């Protein structure tokens, strides 16, 4: 079981490596929000604890991408060749490093 302290460290780790709009940052923050809410934190407290915007966490505890991140996600999906996409490996490795798995 991951603790809120580990989730906070993972968010700090990933944000020191990539910007908030990056897919890896989104995945780590999404999981960190779920961990904090499962530990009993309120939505606003979890957002403040993790250093993210409380407006991007909905009532069900889901963290949403920004408009800029969504635009980049779709642009990359249409421009990239899925068979030779090294970016997906990079995202996975960043996420694993952030969670230290």
C-alpha atoms as a PDB file:
ATOM      1  CA  UNK A   1       0.000   0.000   0.000  1.00  0.00           C
ATOM      2  CA  UNK A   2       1.321   3.387  -0.970  1.00  0.00           C
ATOM      3  CA  UNK A   3       1.153   6.181   1.581  1.00  0.00           C
ATOM      4  CA  UNK A   4       0.365   9.852   0.926  1.00  0.00           C
ATOM      5  CA  UNK A   5       3.992  10.668   1.811  1.00  0.00           C
ATOM      6  CA  UNK A   6       5.229   8.335  -0.944  1.00  0.00           C
ATOM      7  CA  UNK A   7       2.686   9.832  -3.339  1.00  0.00           C
ATOM      8  CA  UNK A   8       3.909  13.345  -2.556  1.00  0.00           C
ATOM      9  CA  UNK A   9       7.520  12.275  -3.158  1.00  0.00           C
ATOM     10  CA  UNK A  10       6.526  10.672  -6.479  1.00  0.00           C
ATOM     11  CA  UNK A  11       4.801  13.877  -7.618  1.00  0.00           C
ATOM     12  CA  UNK A  12       7.821  15.984  -6.657  1.00  0.00           C
ATOM     13  CA  UNK A  13      10.124  13.535  -8.425  1.00  0.00           C
ATOM     14  CA  UNK A  14       8.203  13.525 -11.682  1.00  0.00           C
ATOM     15  CA  UNK A  15       7.686  17.311 -11.696  1.00  0.00           C
ATOM     16  CA  UNK A  16      11.427  17.837 -11.256  1.00  0.00           C
ATOM     17  CA  UNK A  17      11.920  15.817 -14.441  1.00  0.00           C
ATOM     18  CA  UNK A  18       9.058  16.849 -16.755  1.00  0.00           C
ATOM     19  CA  UNK A  19       6.474  19.681 -16.960  1.00  0.00           C
ATOM     20  CA  UNK A  20       2.951  19.254 -15.559  1.00  0.00           C
ATOM     21  CA  UNK A  21       1.476  18.843 -19.041  1.00  0.00           C
ATOM     22  CA  UNK A  22       3.604  15.768 -19.788  1.00  0.00           C
ATOM     23  CA  UNK A  23       1.818  12.410 -19.931  1.00  0.00           C
ATOM     24  CA  UNK A  24       4.105  10.895 -17.283  1.00  0.00           C
ATOM     25  CA  UNK A  25       3.327  13.727 -14.863  1.00  0.00           C
ATOM     26  CA  UNK A  26      -0.393  13.250 -15.457  1.00  0.00           C
ATOM     27  CA  UNK A  27      -0.193   9.517 -14.700  1.00  0.00           C
ATOM     28  CA  UNK A  28       1.791  10.006 -11.505  1.00  0.00           C
ATOM     29  CA  UNK A  29      -0.435  12.837 -10.230  1.00  0.00           C
ATOM     30  CA  UNK A  30      -3.591  10.862 -11.083  1.00  0.00           C
ATOM     31  CA  UNK A  31      -2.411   7.896  -8.995  1.00  0.00           C
ATOM     32  CA  UNK A  32      -1.154  10.152  -6.196  1.00  0.00           C
ATOM     33  CA  UNK A  33      -4.554  11.832  -5.918  1.00  0.00           C
ATOM     34  CA  UNK A  34      -6.226   8.418  -5.679  1.00  0.00           C
ATOM     35  CA  UNK A  35      -3.789   7.384  -2.919  1.00  0.00           C
ATOM     36  CA  UNK A  36      -4.421  10.553  -0.900  1.00  0.00           C
ATOM     37  CA  UNK A  37      -8.196  10.277  -1.202  1.00  0.00           C
ATOM     38  CA  UNK A  38      -8.098   6.589  -0.251  1.00  0.00           C
ATOM     39  CA  UNK A  39      -6.132   7.579   2.865  1.00  0.00           C
ATOM     40  CA  UNK A  40      -9.037   9.803   3.930  1.00  0.00           C
ATOM     41  CA  UNK A  41      -7.929  13.242   2.734  1.00  0.00           C
ATOM     42  CA  UNK A  42     -10.472  15.648   1.329  1.00  0.00           C
ATOM     43  CA  UNK A  43     -10.120  16.809  -2.251  1.00  0.00           C
ATOM     44  CA  UNK A  44      -8.829  20.274  -1.347  1.00  0.00           C
ATOM     45  CA  UNK A  45      -6.410  18.940   1.253  1.00  0.00           C
ATOM     46  CA  UNK A  46      -5.051  16.357  -1.196  1.00  0.00           C
ATOM     47  CA  UNK A  47      -4.530  19.022  -3.856  1.00  0.00           C
ATOM     48  CA  UNK A  48      -2.708  21.302  -1.421  1.00  0.00           C
ATOM     49  CA  UNK A  49      -0.616  18.408  -0.101  1.00  0.00           C
ATOM     50  CA  UNK A  50       0.450  17.321  -3.589  1.00  0.00           C
ATOM     51  CA  UNK A  51       0.883  20.855  -4.908  1.00  0.00           C
ATOM     52  CA  UNK A  52      -1.682  20.585  -7.697  1.00  0.00           C
ATOM     53  CA  UNK A  53      -4.756  22.617  -8.582  1.00  0.00           C
ATOM     54  CA  UNK A  54      -7.855  21.589  -6.651  1.00  0.00           C
ATOM     55  CA  UNK A  55      -9.995  22.566  -9.638  1.00  0.00           C
ATOM     56  CA  UNK A  56      -8.536  19.692 -11.646  1.00  0.00           C
ATOM     57  CA  UNK A  57      -9.756  17.074  -9.143  1.00  0.00           C
ATOM     58  CA  UNK A  58     -13.440  16.234  -9.505  1.00  0.00           C
ATOM     59  CA  UNK A  59     -15.849  14.979  -6.851  1.00  0.00           C
ATOM     60  CA  UNK A  60     -15.062  11.355  -7.665  1.00  0.00           C
ATOM     61  CA  UNK A  61     -11.363  11.984  -7.081  1.00  0.00           C
ATOM     62  CA  UNK A  62     -10.207  11.950 -10.690  1.00  0.00           C
ATOM     63  CA  UNK A  63      -7.440  14.293 -11.792  1.00  0.00           C
ATOM     64  CA  UNK A  64      -8.036  15.879 -15.190  1.00  0.00           C
ATOM     65  CA  UNK A  65      -5.547  16.934 -17.821  1.00  0.00           C
ATOM     66  CA  UNK A  66      -5.206  20.590 -18.662  1.00  0.00           C
ATOM     67  CA  UNK A  67      -6.379  21.795 -22.075  1.00  0.00           C
ATOM     68  CA  UNK A  68      -2.744  22.196 -23.123  1.00  0.00           C
ATOM     69  CA  UNK A  69      -1.943  18.601 -22.136  1.00  0.00           C
ATOM     70  CA  UNK A  70      -5.009  17.238 -23.926  1.00  0.00           C
ATOM     71  CA  UNK A  71      -4.101  19.134 -27.076  1.00  0.00           C
ATOM     72  CA  UNK A  72      -0.542  17.777 -26.949  1.00  0.00           C
ATOM     73  CA  UNK A  73      -1.802  14.236 -26.306  1.00  0.00           C
ATOM     74  CA  UNK A  74      -4.005  14.237 -29.407  1.00  0.00           C
ATOM     75  CA  UNK A  75      -1.414  15.973 -31.553  1.00  0.00           C
ATOM     76  CA  UNK A  76       1.200  13.368 -30.626  1.00  0.00           C
ATOM     77  CA  UNK A  77      -1.254  10.510 -31.163  1.00  0.00           C
ATOM     78  CA  UNK A  78      -2.014  11.586 -34.727  1.00  0.00           C
ATOM     79  CA  UNK A  79       1.550  12.515 -35.652  1.00  0.00           C
ATOM     80  CA  UNK A  80       3.390   9.509 -34.207  1.00  0.00           C
ATOM     81  CA  UNK A  81       3.868   6.088 -35.720  1.00  0.00           C
ATOM     82  CA  UNK A  82       2.770   3.637 -33.003  1.00  0.00           C
ATOM     83  CA  UNK A  83       5.111   0.865 -34.126  1.00  0.00           C
ATOM     84  CA  UNK A  84       8.232   2.994 -33.626  1.00  0.00           C
ATOM     85  CA  UNK A  85       7.164   5.248 -30.783  1.00  0.00           C
ATOM     86  CA  UNK A  86      10.024   5.617 -28.275  1.00  0.00           C
ATOM     87  CA  UNK A  87       8.008   8.218 -26.338  1.00  0.00           C
ATOM     88  CA  UNK A  88       5.747   5.570 -24.816  1.00  0.00           C
ATOM     89  CA  UNK A  89       8.801   3.781 -23.392  1.00  0.00           C
ATOM     90  CA  UNK A  90      10.066   7.080 -22.030  1.00  0.00           C
ATOM     91  CA  UNK A  91       6.747   7.819 -20.306  1.00  0.00           C
ATOM     92  CA  UNK A  92       6.711   4.390 -18.676  1.00  0.00           C
ATOM     93  CA  UNK A  93      10.291   4.723 -17.471  1.00  0.00           C
ATOM     94  CA  UNK A  94       9.619   8.179 -15.979  1.00  0.00           C
ATOM     95  CA  UNK A  95       6.541   6.859 -14.157  1.00  0.00           C
ATOM     96  CA  UNK A  96       8.486   3.864 -12.793  1.00  0.00           C
ATOM     97  CA  UNK A  97      11.310   6.121 -11.591  1.00  0.00           C
ATOM     98  CA  UNK A  98       8.861   8.460  -9.873  1.00  0.00           C
ATOM     99  CA  UNK A  99       7.228   5.594  -7.978  1.00  0.00           C
ATOM    100  CA  UNK A 100      10.607   3.845  -7.570  1.00  0.00           C
ATOM    101  CA  UNK A 101       9.318   0.571  -8.996  1.00  0.00           C
END
